[in-house]
Amino acid sequence: MPDFAQRGPITTIHDLGTATPEALEERLRRAVKKHAIGLVLPVTASDMRAAPFANIVEHLAGADYLDSSVIVLNRTEDPADYREAVRLVSPMGPRARVLWTDGPRGQEALAELADAGFDVSVPGKGRAVWFAFGYLLADPNVKAFVLEDGDIENYDNDMLVRLCLPMAHPGMDFDFCKAFYARCTDRMHGRVVRLLMTPVLRALISVMGNDPYLVFLRSFRYTLAGEFAISATLARSNRIPCDWGLEVGTLAEVYRNTSAKRVCQVDIARIYDHKHQPMSLEDKTSGLMKMASDILRNLFRTLASRGMVFGRGHFIALRAAYLRIAQDAIRQYHADSLMNALNYDRHSEEQAIEAFAELITATGEAVNDDPSGSAALPTWTRVVTTLPDFQQRLRQIAEDDLAEYGG
């Protein structure tokens, strides 16, 4: 049964089942006449060839409330992949463009940024999203951007509408809107959120105190949701991490650059599923272990930047507190799974939290050795002060690539 509880400093927008998708969609159509929305859809070559992407495009073809869409093709230099991306997104019509970040023109743009002193050398979703923001910022009429993942198994446009409406409706004044949902099939997923993020935030508060930023993070029901909407003004000011810390790093920038009163989270789906990463317990440099490590690094460095001082003893205490809280959570998830007829592998969940506990101390030592870490991508405000026409150039790259390779 849905609730309507409001916990923490941000606003929670529930799905109480009292509004039809058609009514919300029509409300959004009216709102975007004065508050245009742009869509960001980052994909790799493998993502776009998977079955979920075709279903997503089929739905988006009817999303006439989107002013423009940028599909960012990254991690491929093959023109055949670009041509296939253009073919696949063609049902979305002329308002959708493919921005090929690793094509010849994309590489030239990267080189121009490097020559100007900007470090954008790390590929991945973070850089793809950053390029998309630059592309959309070239159009001053687009007031907010919405980011969707390209691998959602059960996508429908109601997810998009519920994410867009809080940013466009004249009766709401949000700068940032993050999705939340339940991730499950025949079992619970979202292991990094359930088994790491939620208990580690509780542990940090118990060890380090009730820091407002930690309270802000704890207010989100799904801190690592990849789907969010952001105002153009905030997108211009935010710095974006390149690694798996993208989601939590984005929240850090949102907290830094706007008021919590202008942040919300919205229930976009009763059940949500997308591509699952392997846990990779034996290899800390890949899978969910790499993701967890990047997230912890970003979290610890953000707290250090806020003046929080960590010593070896803090990380030992944090690890102990985390283990206790996470073990209690496993008992709760087990009971929840039993009542909902879900499969639950309690042993593998215990193995996961033991591995995450090791990461806490290992990552803490790494952060103490290198407190600043790798730099995030520069803000677009900074880029355009040095390269005033660069955002427009991204638009031209998309058009020129289409003319040369898209036929």
Protein backbone atom coordinates (compact mmCIF):
# COMPACT_ATOMS: atom_id res chain seq x y z
CA MET A 1 0.00 0.00 0.00
CA PRO A 2 1.49 3.41 -0.90
CA ASP A 3 2.07 5.90 1.86
CA PHE A 4 2.32 9.68 1.83
CA ALA A 5 5.03 10.15 4.46
CA GLN A 6 7.51 13.01 4.10
CA ARG A 7 10.87 12.25 5.70
CA GLY A 8 13.87 14.56 5.70
CA PRO A 9 14.45 17.94 4.05
CA ILE A 10 13.48 16.97 0.48
CA THR A 11 9.97 16.51 -0.95
CA THR A 12 8.71 13.00 -1.74
CA ILE A 13 6.15 12.73 -4.53
CA HIS A 14 4.28 9.43 -4.26
CA ASP A 15 2.26 7.39 -6.69
CA LEU A 16 -0.99 6.90 -4.78
CA GLY A 17 -2.72 5.38 -7.78
CA THR A 18 -5.26 8.22 -7.97
CA ALA A 19 -4.09 9.87 -11.22
CA THR A 20 -4.14 8.13 -14.58
CA PRO A 21 -1.04 8.19 -16.82
CA GLU A 22 -3.12 9.90 -19.52
CA ALA A 23 -4.12 12.73 -17.17
CA LEU A 24 -0.53 13.30 -16.06
CA GLU A 25 0.68 13.25 -19.66
CA GLU A 26 -1.87 15.87 -20.69
CA ARG A 27 -0.90 18.03 -17.72
CA LEU A 28 2.73 17.80 -18.84
CA ARG A 29 1.83 18.76 -22.43
CA ARG A 30 0.28 21.97 -21.14
CA ALA A 31 3.22 22.71 -18.83
CA VAL A 32 5.99 22.32 -21.44
CA LYS A 33 4.48 25.05 -23.61
CA LYS A 34 6.18 27.48 -21.24
CA HIS A 35 8.85 25.20 -19.76
CA ALA A 36 10.53 23.09 -22.46
CA ILE A 37 12.14 19.78 -21.49
CA GLY A 38 15.13 18.07 -23.13
CA LEU A 39 15.91 14.36 -22.89
CA VAL A 40 19.36 12.83 -22.28
CA LEU A 41 19.79 9.17 -23.22
CA PRO A 42 23.40 7.85 -22.92
CA VAL A 43 24.04 4.51 -24.64
CA THR A 44 26.90 2.24 -25.63
CA ALA A 45 26.96 0.05 -28.74
CA SER A 46 25.88 -2.98 -26.71
CA ASP A 47 23.09 -1.05 -24.97
CA MET A 48 21.50 0.10 -28.21
CA ARG A 49 21.51 -3.42 -29.70
CA ALA A 50 19.82 -4.93 -26.65
CA ALA A 51 16.05 -5.50 -26.65
CA PRO A 52 15.20 -2.85 -24.01
CA PHE A 53 16.52 0.02 -26.15
CA ALA A 54 14.18 -0.72 -29.05
CA ASN A 55 11.23 -0.73 -26.64
CA ILE A 56 12.36 2.58 -25.12
CA VAL A 57 12.64 4.23 -28.55
CA GLU A 58 9.22 2.90 -29.54
CA HIS A 59 7.68 4.59 -26.51
CA LEU A 60 9.67 7.82 -26.90
CA ALA A 61 8.50 8.16 -30.50
CA GLY A 62 5.17 9.31 -29.10
CA ALA A 63 6.58 11.61 -26.41
CA ASP A 64 5.52 14.87 -28.08
CA TYR A 65 6.07 16.79 -24.84
CA LEU A 66 9.87 16.55 -25.29
CA ASP A 67 11.33 19.61 -26.98
CA SER A 68 14.52 17.83 -28.02
CA SER A 69 16.39 14.61 -27.31
CA VAL A 70 20.10 13.84 -27.41
CA ILE A 71 21.19 10.23 -27.58
CA VAL A 72 24.86 10.13 -26.59
CA LEU A 73 26.69 7.25 -28.24
CA ASN A 74 29.94 6.62 -26.38
CA ARG A 75 32.72 4.04 -26.03
CA THR A 76 32.84 3.22 -29.74
CA GLU A 77 34.81 4.59 -32.70
CA ASP A 78 33.09 2.40 -35.30
CA PRO A 79 31.02 4.31 -37.89
CA ALA A 80 28.83 1.20 -38.24
CA ASP A 81 27.76 1.64 -34.61
CA TYR A 82 26.90 5.27 -35.28
CA ARG A 83 24.85 4.41 -38.35
CA GLU A 84 23.00 1.75 -36.39
CA ALA A 85 22.27 4.25 -33.60
CA VAL A 86 20.85 6.72 -36.13
CA ARG A 87 18.68 3.99 -37.64
CA LEU A 88 17.40 2.83 -34.27
CA VAL A 89 16.43 6.30 -33.01
CA SER A 90 14.89 7.45 -36.31
CA PRO A 91 11.32 6.76 -35.04
CA MET A 92 11.84 9.61 -32.55
CA GLY A 93 11.84 12.07 -35.46
CA PRO A 94 13.86 15.20 -36.29
CA ARG A 95 13.92 16.52 -32.71
CA ALA A 96 16.23 13.64 -31.72
CA ARG A 97 19.92 13.66 -32.53
CA VAL A 98 22.77 11.22 -31.92
CA LEU A 99 25.87 12.83 -30.42
CA TRP A 100 28.85 10.57 -31.14
CA THR A 101 31.48 11.42 -28.54
CA ASP A 102 34.15 9.03 -29.83
CA GLY A 103 33.78 9.67 -33.55
CA PRO A 104 36.36 11.76 -35.46
CA ARG A 105 34.58 15.05 -34.75
CA GLY A 106 33.97 14.06 -31.14
CA GLN A 107 37.66 13.27 -30.75
CA GLU A 108 38.54 16.68 -32.20
CA ALA A 109 36.26 18.31 -29.64
CA LEU A 110 37.92 16.33 -26.83
CA ALA A 111 41.34 17.44 -28.09
CA GLU A 112 40.19 21.06 -28.15
CA LEU A 113 39.07 20.80 -24.54
CA ALA A 114 42.39 19.20 -23.54
CA ASP A 115 44.34 21.97 -25.32
CA ALA A 116 42.33 24.52 -23.34
CA GLY A 117 43.35 22.82 -20.08
CA PHE A 118 40.20 20.80 -19.34
CA ASP A 119 40.65 17.18 -18.27
CA VAL A 120 37.89 15.20 -19.97
CA SER A 121 39.99 12.14 -20.74
CA VAL A 122 38.01 9.53 -18.77
CA PRO A 123 35.26 7.92 -20.90
CA GLY A 124 32.01 6.60 -19.47
CA LYS A 125 28.48 7.55 -18.55
CA GLY A 126 29.58 10.65 -16.62
CA ARG A 127 31.32 12.17 -19.63
CA ALA A 128 28.41 11.19 -21.91
CA VAL A 129 25.93 12.97 -19.63
CA TRP A 130 28.23 15.99 -19.42
CA PHE A 131 28.38 16.28 -23.22
CA ALA A 132 24.60 15.96 -23.42
CA PHE A 133 24.15 18.80 -20.95
CA GLY A 134 26.43 20.97 -23.08
CA TYR A 135 24.44 20.09 -26.20
CA LEU A 136 21.11 21.01 -24.55
CA LEU A 137 22.50 24.17 -22.92
CA ALA A 138 23.09 25.54 -26.43
CA ASP A 139 19.31 26.06 -26.64
CA PRO A 140 18.18 28.70 -24.10
CA ASN A 141 14.55 27.68 -24.58
CA VAL A 142 15.11 24.29 -22.89
CA LYS A 143 14.60 24.91 -19.18
CA ALA A 144 15.20 21.43 -17.75
CA PHE A 145 16.87 18.18 -18.73
CA VAL A 146 15.73 14.67 -17.87
CA LEU A 147 18.16 11.73 -17.84
CA GLU A 148 16.93 8.23 -18.64
CA ASP A 149 18.95 5.00 -18.79
CA GLY A 150 18.94 3.08 -22.07
CA ASP A 151 18.64 -0.40 -20.57
CA ILE A 152 15.34 -0.29 -18.64
CA GLU A 153 13.64 -3.65 -19.15
CA ASN A 154 10.07 -2.56 -18.41
CA TYR A 155 10.14 1.03 -19.67
CA ASP A 156 6.98 2.98 -20.35
CA ASN A 157 6.45 6.71 -20.83
CA ASP A 158 4.73 7.08 -17.47
CA MET A 159 8.23 6.85 -15.93
CA LEU A 160 9.33 9.82 -18.04
CA VAL A 161 6.18 11.86 -17.44
CA ARG A 162 6.40 11.48 -13.66
CA LEU A 163 10.05 12.59 -13.76
CA CYS A 164 9.39 15.60 -16.01
CA LEU A 165 6.22 17.00 -14.45
CA PRO A 166 7.74 18.26 -11.15
CA MET A 167 10.25 20.28 -13.22
CA ALA A 168 7.74 21.76 -15.67
CA HIS A 169 4.49 22.29 -13.75
CA PRO A 170 3.96 25.98 -12.84
CA GLY A 171 2.69 24.98 -9.41
CA MET A 172 6.03 23.41 -8.46
CA ASP A 173 9.45 25.05 -8.18
CA PHE A 174 12.04 22.29 -8.11
CA ASP A 175 15.60 22.45 -9.43
CA PHE A 176 16.20 18.72 -9.16
CA CYS A 177 14.01 15.62 -9.19
CA LYS A 178 15.32 12.10 -8.60
CA ALA A 179 13.48 8.87 -9.33
CA PHE A 180 12.81 6.08 -6.87
CA TYR A 181 11.31 2.63 -7.31
CA ALA A 182 11.45 -0.98 -6.15
CA ARG A 183 14.00 -3.04 -8.09
CA CYS A 184 12.93 -6.66 -8.15
CA THR A 185 12.03 -9.57 -10.41
CA ASP A 186 11.72 -12.91 -8.64
CA ARG A 187 14.17 -11.49 -6.08
CA MET A 188 15.34 -8.16 -4.69
CA HIS A 189 17.98 -6.31 -6.70
CA GLY A 190 19.66 -2.97 -5.99
CA ARG A 191 22.33 -4.60 -3.84
CA VAL A 192 24.64 -1.57 -3.66
CA VAL A 193 21.77 0.59 -2.40
CA ARG A 194 20.29 -1.99 -0.01
CA LEU A 195 23.50 -3.52 1.33
CA LEU A 196 25.96 -0.62 1.13
CA MET A 197 24.52 2.87 0.74
CA THR A 198 21.62 2.70 3.19
CA PRO A 199 23.54 1.05 6.05
CA VAL A 200 26.75 3.03 5.48
CA LEU A 201 24.87 6.34 5.68
CA ARG A 202 23.32 5.24 8.97
CA ALA A 203 26.74 4.13 10.18
CA LEU A 204 28.37 7.43 9.18
CA ILE A 205 25.75 9.36 11.14
CA SER A 206 26.27 7.15 14.21
CA VAL A 207 30.07 7.53 14.06
CA MET A 208 30.57 11.06 12.68
CA GLY A 209 27.40 12.82 13.78
CA ASN A 210 24.25 14.19 12.15
CA ASP A 211 25.91 16.12 9.32
CA PRO A 212 23.25 17.94 7.20
CA TYR A 213 24.64 16.43 3.98
CA LEU A 214 24.31 12.91 5.37
CA VAL A 215 20.73 13.68 6.43
CA PHE A 216 20.09 14.97 2.90
CA LEU A 217 21.41 11.74 1.35
CA ARG A 218 19.41 9.58 3.75
CA SER A 219 16.23 11.34 2.62
CA PHE A 220 16.45 9.66 -0.80
CA ARG A 221 14.70 6.32 -1.07
CA TYR A 222 16.99 5.18 -3.89
CA THR A 223 20.20 7.20 -3.75
CA LEU A 224 21.76 5.49 -6.77
CA ALA A 225 18.81 5.81 -9.16
CA GLY A 226 20.24 6.71 -12.57
CA GLU A 227 17.16 8.65 -13.63
CA PHE A 228 16.82 12.29 -12.64
CA ALA A 229 15.68 15.67 -13.95
CA ILE A 230 17.60 18.89 -13.45
CA SER A 231 17.08 22.55 -14.27
CA ALA A 232 19.29 24.02 -16.98
CA THR A 233 20.65 26.54 -14.47
CA LEU A 234 21.75 23.80 -12.08
CA ALA A 235 23.15 21.65 -14.91
CA ARG A 236 25.32 24.58 -15.91
CA SER A 237 26.80 24.85 -12.40
CA ASN A 238 27.18 21.19 -11.38
CA ARG A 239 30.41 19.23 -11.67
CA ILE A 240 29.98 15.63 -12.82
CA PRO A 241 32.18 12.69 -11.71
CA CYS A 242 33.43 10.41 -14.49
CA ASP A 243 33.29 7.12 -12.58
CA TRP A 244 30.59 5.05 -10.84
CA GLY A 245 30.27 7.90 -8.34
CA LEU A 246 28.09 9.77 -10.86
CA GLU A 247 24.82 9.41 -8.93
CA VAL A 248 26.09 10.19 -5.45
CA GLY A 249 28.45 12.86 -6.84
CA THR A 250 25.51 14.53 -8.57
CA LEU A 251 23.64 14.64 -5.26
CA ALA A 252 26.69 16.27 -3.64
CA GLU A 253 26.65 19.01 -6.29
CA VAL A 254 22.91 19.46 -5.99
CA TYR A 255 23.26 19.86 -2.21
CA ARG A 256 26.05 22.38 -2.76
CA ASN A 257 24.36 24.48 -5.45
CA THR A 258 20.68 24.66 -4.49
CA SER A 259 18.38 24.46 -1.47
CA ALA A 260 17.03 21.14 -0.24
CA LYS A 261 13.56 22.72 -0.44
CA ARG A 262 13.99 22.77 -4.21
CA VAL A 263 14.84 19.07 -4.41
CA CYS A 264 12.33 16.25 -4.72
CA GLN A 265 12.12 12.53 -5.40
CA VAL A 266 9.31 10.90 -7.35
CA ASP A 267 7.95 7.37 -7.49
CA ILE A 268 8.17 6.49 -11.20
CA ALA A 269 7.37 2.77 -11.17
CA ARG A 270 5.98 0.08 -8.91
CA ILE A 271 8.58 -2.37 -10.24
CA TYR A 272 11.72 -1.41 -12.15
CA ASP A 273 14.37 -3.60 -13.73
CA HIS A 274 17.44 -3.05 -15.87
CA LYS A 275 20.82 -4.63 -16.61
CA HIS A 276 22.39 -6.32 -13.59
CA GLN A 277 26.09 -6.00 -12.82
CA PRO A 278 28.00 -9.00 -11.41
CA MET A 279 29.09 -8.71 -7.79
CA SER A 280 32.71 -9.61 -8.71
CA LEU A 281 33.84 -10.47 -5.18
CA GLU A 282 37.17 -11.83 -6.46
CA ASP A 283 37.98 -8.75 -8.55
CA LYS A 284 37.64 -5.42 -6.77
CA THR A 285 38.34 -3.53 -10.03
CA SER A 286 35.14 -4.57 -11.83
CA GLY A 287 31.41 -5.14 -11.35
CA LEU A 288 29.61 -3.99 -8.23
CA MET A 289 32.80 -3.98 -6.20
CA LYS A 290 34.28 -1.30 -8.48
CA MET A 291 31.01 0.61 -8.31
CA ALA A 292 30.98 0.42 -4.50
CA SER A 293 34.59 1.57 -4.28
CA ASP A 294 33.97 4.62 -6.50
CA ILE A 295 30.85 5.52 -4.53
CA LEU A 296 32.65 5.32 -1.18
CA ARG A 297 35.58 7.40 -2.48
CA ASN A 298 33.20 10.09 -3.67
CA LEU A 299 31.26 10.04 -0.40
CA PHE A 300 34.33 10.22 1.86
CA ARG A 301 35.95 12.98 -0.22
CA THR A 302 32.76 15.03 -0.23
CA LEU A 303 32.56 14.77 3.56
CA ALA A 304 36.24 15.74 3.85
CA SER A 305 35.56 18.80 1.68
CA ARG A 306 32.89 19.77 4.20
CA GLY A 307 35.48 19.79 6.98
CA MET A 308 34.93 16.30 8.35
CA VAL A 309 38.23 14.83 9.56
CA PHE A 310 38.77 11.07 9.16
CA GLY A 311 41.45 9.07 10.94
CA ARG A 312 42.21 5.37 10.89
CA GLY A 313 40.11 4.90 14.04
CA HIS A 314 37.10 6.48 12.37
CA PHE A 315 37.19 3.96 9.53
CA ILE A 316 37.58 1.05 11.96
CA ALA A 317 34.54 2.29 13.92
CA LEU A 318 32.64 2.95 10.70
CA ARG A 319 33.31 -0.57 9.46
CA ALA A 320 32.09 -2.08 12.73
CA ALA A 321 28.96 0.07 12.80
CA TYR A 322 28.25 -0.68 9.14
CA LEU A 323 28.51 -4.44 9.67
CA ARG A 324 26.08 -4.38 12.58
CA ILE A 325 23.52 -2.28 10.70
CA ALA A 326 23.90 -4.23 7.44
CA GLN A 327 23.49 -7.58 9.22
CA ASP A 328 20.27 -6.33 10.79
CA ALA A 329 19.12 -5.19 7.35
CA ILE A 330 19.65 -8.70 5.92
CA ARG A 331 17.30 -10.11 8.54
CA GLN A 332 14.73 -7.50 7.48
CA TYR A 333 15.17 -8.16 3.74
CA HIS A 334 14.84 -11.90 4.38
CA ALA A 335 11.52 -11.41 6.15
CA ASP A 336 10.32 -9.03 3.43
CA SER A 337 11.23 -11.54 0.73
CA LEU A 338 9.41 -14.37 2.49
CA MET A 339 6.22 -12.33 2.77
CA ASN A 340 6.40 -11.38 -0.93
CA ALA A 341 7.27 -14.86 -2.25
CA LEU A 342 10.70 -13.69 -3.48
CA ASN A 343 13.82 -15.83 -3.69
CA TYR A 344 16.39 -14.74 -1.14
CA ASP A 345 19.98 -16.02 -0.96
CA ARG A 346 20.92 -14.97 2.56
CA HIS A 347 24.44 -16.42 2.28
CA SER A 348 25.35 -14.37 -0.81
CA GLU A 349 23.94 -11.24 0.84
CA GLU A 350 26.15 -11.87 3.89
CA GLN A 351 29.15 -12.35 1.59
CA ALA A 352 28.36 -9.04 -0.09
CA ILE A 353 28.29 -7.01 3.12
CA GLU A 354 31.53 -8.63 4.31
CA ALA A 355 33.17 -7.58 1.04
CA PHE A 356 31.70 -4.07 1.32
CA ALA A 357 33.02 -3.83 4.89
CA GLU A 358 36.54 -4.56 3.64
CA LEU A 359 36.08 -1.86 1.02
CA ILE A 360 35.22 0.72 3.68
CA THR A 361 38.63 0.45 5.37
CA ALA A 362 40.54 -0.01 2.10
CA THR A 363 38.84 3.00 0.52
CA GLY A 364 39.33 5.04 3.68
CA GLU A 365 43.08 4.41 3.53
CA ALA A 366 43.14 5.33 -0.16
CA VAL A 367 41.29 8.60 0.51
CA ASN A 368 43.66 9.47 3.35
CA ASP A 369 46.60 8.88 1.00
CA ASP A 370 44.99 10.94 -1.81
CA PRO A 371 42.33 13.26 -0.36
CA SER A 372 41.57 15.13 -3.59
CA GLY A 373 41.43 12.19 -6.02
CA SER A 374 40.75 12.59 -9.72
CA ALA A 375 39.11 15.85 -10.76
CA ALA A 376 35.46 15.92 -11.74
CA LEU A 377 34.48 17.25 -15.13
CA PRO A 378 34.48 21.06 -15.28
CA THR A 379 31.29 23.07 -14.99
CA TRP A 380 29.82 24.29 -18.24
CA THR A 381 30.00 27.83 -16.87
CA ARG A 382 33.78 27.47 -16.75
CA VAL A 383 34.02 25.90 -20.21
CA VAL A 384 32.06 28.60 -22.01
CA THR A 385 34.13 31.37 -20.43
CA THR A 386 37.14 29.86 -22.23
CA LEU A 387 35.41 28.39 -25.31
CA PRO A 388 32.27 30.50 -25.80
CA ASP A 389 31.03 28.63 -28.89
CA PHE A 390 31.73 25.09 -27.70
CA GLN A 391 28.13 24.20 -26.84
CA GLN A 392 26.97 25.28 -30.30
CA ARG A 393 29.82 23.26 -31.76
CA LEU A 394 28.40 20.10 -30.16
CA ARG A 395 25.15 20.76 -32.02
CA GLN A 396 27.09 21.18 -35.26
CA ILE A 397 29.00 17.94 -34.63
CA ALA A 398 25.71 16.05 -34.36
CA GLU A 399 24.46 17.59 -37.63
CA ASP A 400 27.74 17.04 -39.52
CA ASP A 401 28.04 13.42 -38.37
CA LEU A 402 24.48 12.79 -39.47
CA ALA A 403 25.20 14.27 -42.89
CA GLU A 404 28.40 12.25 -43.36
CA TYR A 405 27.62 8.90 -41.73
CA GLY A 406 23.89 8.75 -41.21
CA GLY A 407 22.76 7.97 -44.73
